[in-house]
């Protein structure tokens, strides 16, 4: 049973890191997808041409808001599973618990502080762009968004460290090959 738990622990960490990278890719590319100059289909969706750019940015923000809302909830589940696997795996190092605690802290900050603020400011910014009053909101939005990005990069580094320290790696390395 311990081998199964350790394998699931390792699979969770690898999946979490892979999904983090996938979310980064999706969020970054959504603005290009809705950009009328880069995607001719978008220019037809957001007629008239004078408002195409603004409507494209609004659509990309909305898509990203939904992606991150779902992603942040899933990460809470990942944190709970991680602590469960650590508990079930038996003797785990203090470093593993500290890494898991740091991941929970980052995800909690994303879910309960950064994401709600970014979403609210994004909606205000979209309205402000439509009325040309964006600079006042843009600065605060940029600070929260930057903090989210930096903490998410830190989370990815912690996930990579947790994978490196994973008990599955140690178990697989210490067991003789059967063949």
Protein backbone atom coordinates (compact mmCIF):
# COMPACT_ATOMS: atom_id res chain seq x y z
CA UNK A 1 0.00 0.00 0.00
CA UNK A 2 2.84 2.39 0.79
CA UNK A 3 4.24 1.99 -2.73
CA UNK A 4 0.83 2.87 -4.19
CA UNK A 5 0.50 5.95 -1.96
CA UNK A 6 4.02 7.07 -2.82
CA UNK A 7 3.32 6.57 -6.51
CA UNK A 8 0.11 8.58 -6.26
CA UNK A 9 2.01 11.27 -4.34
CA UNK A 10 4.60 11.47 -7.12
CA UNK A 11 1.91 11.45 -9.86
CA UNK A 12 0.05 14.27 -8.10
CA UNK A 13 3.17 16.44 -7.93
CA UNK A 14 4.10 15.83 -11.58
CA UNK A 15 0.52 16.43 -12.74
CA UNK A 16 0.25 19.60 -10.68
CA UNK A 17 3.46 21.00 -12.16
CA UNK A 18 2.42 20.01 -15.70
CA UNK A 19 -1.01 21.60 -15.28
CA UNK A 20 0.60 24.75 -13.86
CA UNK A 21 2.70 25.06 -17.01
CA UNK A 22 -0.39 24.37 -19.14
CA UNK A 23 -2.41 27.08 -17.41
CA UNK A 24 0.45 29.53 -17.95
CA UNK A 25 0.43 28.68 -21.66
CA UNK A 26 -3.37 28.97 -21.95
CA UNK A 27 -3.55 32.29 -20.11
CA UNK A 28 -0.70 33.78 -22.10
CA UNK A 29 -2.08 32.69 -25.46
CA UNK A 30 -5.70 33.66 -24.85
CA UNK A 31 -4.96 37.31 -25.63
CA UNK A 32 -3.42 36.35 -28.99
CA UNK A 33 -6.42 34.15 -29.74
CA UNK A 34 -8.80 37.08 -29.29
CA UNK A 35 -6.51 39.61 -31.03
CA UNK A 36 -8.08 40.60 -34.36
CA UNK A 37 -4.69 41.42 -35.91
CA UNK A 38 -3.22 38.02 -35.04
CA UNK A 39 -6.36 35.96 -35.55
CA UNK A 40 -8.61 36.83 -38.50
CA UNK A 41 -11.50 34.85 -37.02
CA UNK A 42 -11.52 37.17 -33.99
CA UNK A 43 -11.86 40.25 -36.21
CA UNK A 44 -15.10 38.83 -37.62
CA UNK A 45 -16.44 38.00 -34.16
CA UNK A 46 -15.98 41.45 -32.70
CA UNK A 47 -17.49 43.84 -35.25
CA UNK A 48 -17.46 46.81 -35.65
CA UNK A 49 -13.73 47.20 -36.22
CA UNK A 50 -13.40 50.28 -33.99
CA UNK A 51 -14.17 48.21 -30.88
CA UNK A 52 -12.55 44.94 -31.96
CA UNK A 53 -9.40 45.28 -29.83
CA UNK A 54 -11.33 46.20 -26.66
CA UNK A 55 -13.86 43.41 -27.16
CA UNK A 56 -11.05 40.91 -27.79
CA UNK A 57 -9.29 41.91 -24.55
CA UNK A 58 -12.59 41.69 -22.67
CA UNK A 59 -13.19 38.19 -24.02
CA UNK A 60 -9.65 37.08 -23.15
CA UNK A 61 -9.99 38.46 -19.61
CA UNK A 62 -13.27 36.62 -19.15
CA UNK A 63 -11.81 33.34 -20.42
CA UNK A 64 -8.77 33.73 -18.16
CA UNK A 65 -10.96 34.55 -15.16
CA UNK A 66 -12.90 31.30 -15.66
CA UNK A 67 -9.69 29.27 -16.20
CA UNK A 68 -8.11 30.61 -13.01
CA UNK A 69 -11.29 30.23 -10.98
CA UNK A 70 -11.47 26.52 -11.82
CA UNK A 71 -7.70 26.07 -11.58
CA UNK A 72 -7.49 27.62 -8.13
CA UNK A 73 -10.26 25.39 -6.82
CA UNK A 74 -8.53 22.34 -8.27
CA UNK A 75 -5.30 23.38 -6.57
CA UNK A 76 -7.05 23.40 -3.20
CA UNK A 77 -8.00 19.77 -3.88
CA UNK A 78 -4.37 19.06 -4.89
CA UNK A 79 -3.17 20.53 -1.56
CA UNK A 80 -5.59 18.37 0.42
CA UNK A 81 -4.55 15.28 -1.55
CA UNK A 82 -0.90 16.10 -1.02
CA UNK A 83 -1.32 16.28 2.76
CA UNK A 84 -3.36 13.06 2.66
CA UNK A 85 -0.63 11.25 0.71
CA UNK A 86 2.07 12.57 3.04
CA UNK A 87 0.06 11.36 6.02
CA UNK A 88 -0.61 7.92 4.45
CA UNK A 89 2.95 7.41 3.23
CA UNK A 90 4.23 7.05 6.77
CA UNK A 91 7.49 8.63 7.80
CA UNK A 92 8.02 11.71 5.71
CA UNK A 93 10.72 14.29 6.12
CA UNK A 94 10.07 17.64 7.73
CA UNK A 95 11.13 19.21 4.42
CA UNK A 96 8.21 17.47 2.64
CA UNK A 97 5.76 18.87 5.18
CA UNK A 98 7.28 22.35 4.92
CA UNK A 99 7.04 22.24 1.11
CA UNK A 100 3.41 21.09 1.31
CA UNK A 101 2.66 23.86 3.81
CA UNK A 102 4.27 26.47 1.55
CA UNK A 103 2.24 25.18 -1.40
CA UNK A 104 -0.94 25.44 0.66
CA UNK A 105 -0.03 28.99 1.71
CA UNK A 106 0.59 30.05 -1.91
CA UNK A 107 -2.58 28.41 -3.21
CA UNK A 108 -4.62 29.85 -0.35
CA UNK A 109 -3.26 33.30 -1.11
CA UNK A 110 -4.16 32.85 -4.77
CA UNK A 111 -7.66 31.59 -4.07
CA UNK A 112 -8.69 33.95 -1.28
CA UNK A 113 -6.73 37.13 -1.97
CA UNK A 114 -5.03 37.59 -5.35
CA UNK A 115 -7.61 36.02 -7.68
CA UNK A 116 -10.70 37.77 -6.31
CA UNK A 117 -8.85 41.11 -6.36
CA UNK A 118 -7.49 40.53 -9.88
CA UNK A 119 -10.93 39.55 -11.16
CA UNK A 120 -12.62 42.58 -9.59
CA UNK A 121 -9.93 44.95 -10.85
CA UNK A 122 -10.07 43.31 -14.29
CA UNK A 123 -13.78 44.03 -14.54
CA UNK A 124 -13.21 47.64 -13.45
CA UNK A 125 -10.33 47.92 -15.89
CA UNK A 126 -12.49 46.64 -18.74
CA UNK A 127 -15.13 49.27 -17.95
CA UNK A 128 -12.44 51.92 -17.53
CA UNK A 129 -10.88 51.03 -20.90
CA UNK A 130 -14.26 51.51 -22.50
CA UNK A 131 -14.47 54.99 -20.95
CA UNK A 132 -10.72 55.83 -21.24
CA UNK A 133 -10.17 55.95 -17.45
CA UNK A 134 -7.85 52.93 -17.28
CA UNK A 135 -4.51 54.29 -15.94
CA UNK A 136 -5.74 54.64 -12.35
CA UNK A 137 -6.87 51.01 -12.13
CA UNK A 138 -4.15 49.57 -14.35
CA UNK A 139 -1.40 50.18 -11.80
CA UNK A 140 -3.18 48.33 -8.98
CA UNK A 141 -4.19 45.52 -11.34
CA UNK A 142 -0.55 45.23 -12.45
CA UNK A 143 0.69 44.95 -8.86
CA UNK A 144 -1.74 42.15 -7.99
CA UNK A 145 -1.15 40.36 -11.27
CA UNK A 146 2.62 40.62 -10.82
CA UNK A 147 2.41 39.27 -7.27
CA UNK A 148 0.28 36.36 -8.52
CA UNK A 149 2.76 35.55 -11.29
CA UNK A 150 5.79 35.72 -8.98
CA UNK A 151 4.12 33.53 -6.36
CA UNK A 152 3.01 31.08 -9.06
CA UNK A 153 6.60 30.79 -10.33
CA UNK A 154 7.65 30.16 -6.72
CA UNK A 155 4.92 27.49 -6.49
CA UNK A 156 6.28 25.82 -9.64
CA UNK A 157 9.79 25.82 -8.13
CA UNK A 158 8.44 24.29 -4.91
CA UNK A 159 6.63 21.62 -6.93
CA UNK A 160 9.86 20.81 -8.77
CA UNK A 161 11.68 20.57 -5.41
CA UNK A 162 8.91 18.34 -4.01
CA UNK A 163 9.21 16.08 -7.06
CA UNK A 164 12.97 15.95 -6.54
CA UNK A 165 12.51 15.04 -2.86
CA UNK A 166 9.60 12.68 -3.54
CA UNK A 167 9.62 9.42 -1.58
CA UNK A 168 8.77 7.62 -4.82
CA UNK A 169 12.12 8.69 -6.29
CA UNK A 170 13.97 7.43 -3.22
CA UNK A 171 12.02 4.15 -3.19
CA UNK A 172 12.56 3.53 -6.89
CA UNK A 173 16.27 4.31 -6.63
CA UNK A 174 16.87 2.04 -3.61
CA UNK A 175 14.96 -1.01 -4.85
CA UNK A 176 16.90 -3.59 -6.86
CA UNK A 177 15.71 -4.06 -10.42
CA UNK A 178 13.60 -7.11 -11.10
CA UNK A 179 14.34 -8.47 -14.43
